[in-house]
Amino acid sequence: HLNVYKKALAMLEARGELTLRRIRAAINMLWPLAHWIAYTHLDDACEVASWIYQMDDRFVPPDNGLLGLLYRRLGFRRTEQILRVRRFGRRLSRS
């Protein structure tokens, strides 16, 4: 999925057709993908999140409530680390 977006955005940029609207449309798909990647590959996910902020420096994580606040205040990596601990705790409690 990620490589498809990288190639598509690179092609649009090469043609001079990469608009803010297209960037934001891609980001709407890349943000959940970064979160999904973070489940198993946190460093790779952080690279995706960083790329998102490079493309649109005014990007605000779409998550509401506490999760959105954590992303905005602590950043992507720290929030995903907290979520990882939470998931681990849930797995332990189910066992």
Protein backbone atom coordinates (compact mmCIF):
# COMPACT_ATOMS: atom_id res chain seq x y z
CA HIS A 1 0.00 0.00 0.00
CA LEU A 2 2.67 2.47 1.03
CA ASN A 3 4.78 1.97 -2.07
CA VAL A 4 1.76 2.54 -4.29
CA TYR A 5 1.22 5.94 -2.65
CA LYS A 6 4.90 6.82 -2.89
CA LYS A 7 4.96 6.03 -6.61
CA ALA A 8 1.66 7.76 -7.35
CA LEU A 9 2.62 10.93 -5.49
CA ALA A 10 6.06 10.96 -7.13
CA MET A 11 4.44 10.65 -10.56
CA LEU A 12 2.02 13.47 -9.83
CA GLU A 13 4.85 15.64 -8.57
CA ALA A 14 6.95 14.93 -11.66
CA ARG A 15 4.03 16.03 -13.86
CA GLY A 16 3.41 19.13 -11.78
CA GLU A 17 -0.02 17.81 -10.82
CA LEU A 18 0.53 17.28 -7.10
CA THR A 19 -1.89 19.71 -5.51
CA LEU A 20 -2.61 20.28 -1.84
CA ARG A 21 -5.99 18.66 -2.36
CA ARG A 22 -4.35 15.50 -3.71
CA ILE A 23 -1.79 15.52 -0.91
CA ARG A 24 -4.53 15.75 1.70
CA ALA A 25 -6.47 12.95 0.01
CA ALA A 26 -3.38 10.74 0.18
CA ILE A 27 -2.78 11.71 3.81
CA ASN A 28 -6.31 10.58 4.68
CA MET A 29 -5.23 7.09 3.64
CA LEU A 30 -1.63 7.26 4.87
CA TRP A 31 -2.41 8.21 8.48
CA PRO A 32 -4.40 5.03 9.24
CA LEU A 33 -1.74 3.07 7.34
CA ALA A 34 0.98 4.55 9.58
CA HIS A 35 -1.03 3.55 12.65
CA TRP A 36 -1.46 0.02 11.27
CA ILE A 37 2.26 -0.30 10.46
CA ALA A 38 3.10 0.83 14.00
CA TYR A 39 1.60 -2.37 15.40
CA THR A 40 4.68 -4.29 14.28
CA HIS A 41 7.20 -1.81 12.81
CA LEU A 42 7.26 1.40 14.84
CA ASP A 43 10.29 2.95 13.12
CA ASP A 44 8.77 2.43 9.66
CA ALA A 45 5.48 3.89 10.87
CA CYS A 46 7.29 6.94 12.24
CA GLU A 47 8.86 7.47 8.82
CA VAL A 48 5.38 7.47 7.27
CA ALA A 49 4.12 9.92 9.89
CA SER A 50 7.12 12.15 9.27
CA TRP A 51 6.47 12.03 5.53
CA ILE A 52 2.87 13.08 6.16
CA TYR A 53 4.03 16.14 8.10
CA GLN A 54 6.57 16.95 5.37
CA MET A 55 3.84 16.91 2.75
CA ASP A 56 1.45 19.06 4.81
CA ASP A 57 3.01 20.88 7.74
CA ARG A 58 -0.47 21.97 8.87
CA PHE A 59 -1.69 18.37 9.18
CA VAL A 60 -3.67 17.65 12.34
CA PRO A 61 -4.28 14.01 13.27
CA PRO A 62 -7.94 13.21 12.57
CA ASP A 63 -8.36 11.29 15.81
CA ASN A 64 -10.77 12.78 18.33
CA GLY A 65 -10.70 12.73 22.10
CA LEU A 66 -7.78 11.51 24.14
CA LEU A 67 -6.05 9.77 21.24
CA GLY A 68 -6.02 12.94 19.15
CA LEU A 69 -4.73 14.90 22.11
CA LEU A 70 -1.93 12.39 22.64
CA TYR A 71 -0.88 12.56 18.98
CA ARG A 72 -0.84 16.35 19.07
CA ARG A 73 0.93 16.71 22.43
CA LEU A 74 3.25 13.72 22.57
CA GLY A 75 3.81 13.01 18.89
CA PHE A 76 3.33 9.92 16.81
CA ARG A 77 6.10 7.73 18.25
CA ARG A 78 5.29 8.32 21.92
CA THR A 79 1.54 7.83 21.35
CA GLU A 80 2.10 4.59 19.47
CA GLN A 81 4.37 3.37 22.28
CA ILE A 82 1.58 4.06 24.76
CA LEU A 83 -0.88 2.20 22.54
CA ARG A 84 1.52 -0.72 22.30
CA VAL A 85 1.69 -0.96 26.10
CA ARG A 86 -2.11 -0.75 26.25
CA ARG A 87 -2.50 -3.56 23.69
CA PHE A 88 -0.02 -5.71 25.59
CA GLY A 89 -1.93 -5.13 28.83
CA ARG A 90 -5.19 -6.13 27.17
CA ARG A 91 -3.65 -9.32 25.87
CA LEU A 92 -2.43 -10.18 29.35
CA SER A 93 -5.82 -9.56 30.91
CA ARG A 94 -7.51 -11.86 28.38
CA SER A 95 -5.15 -14.74 29.14
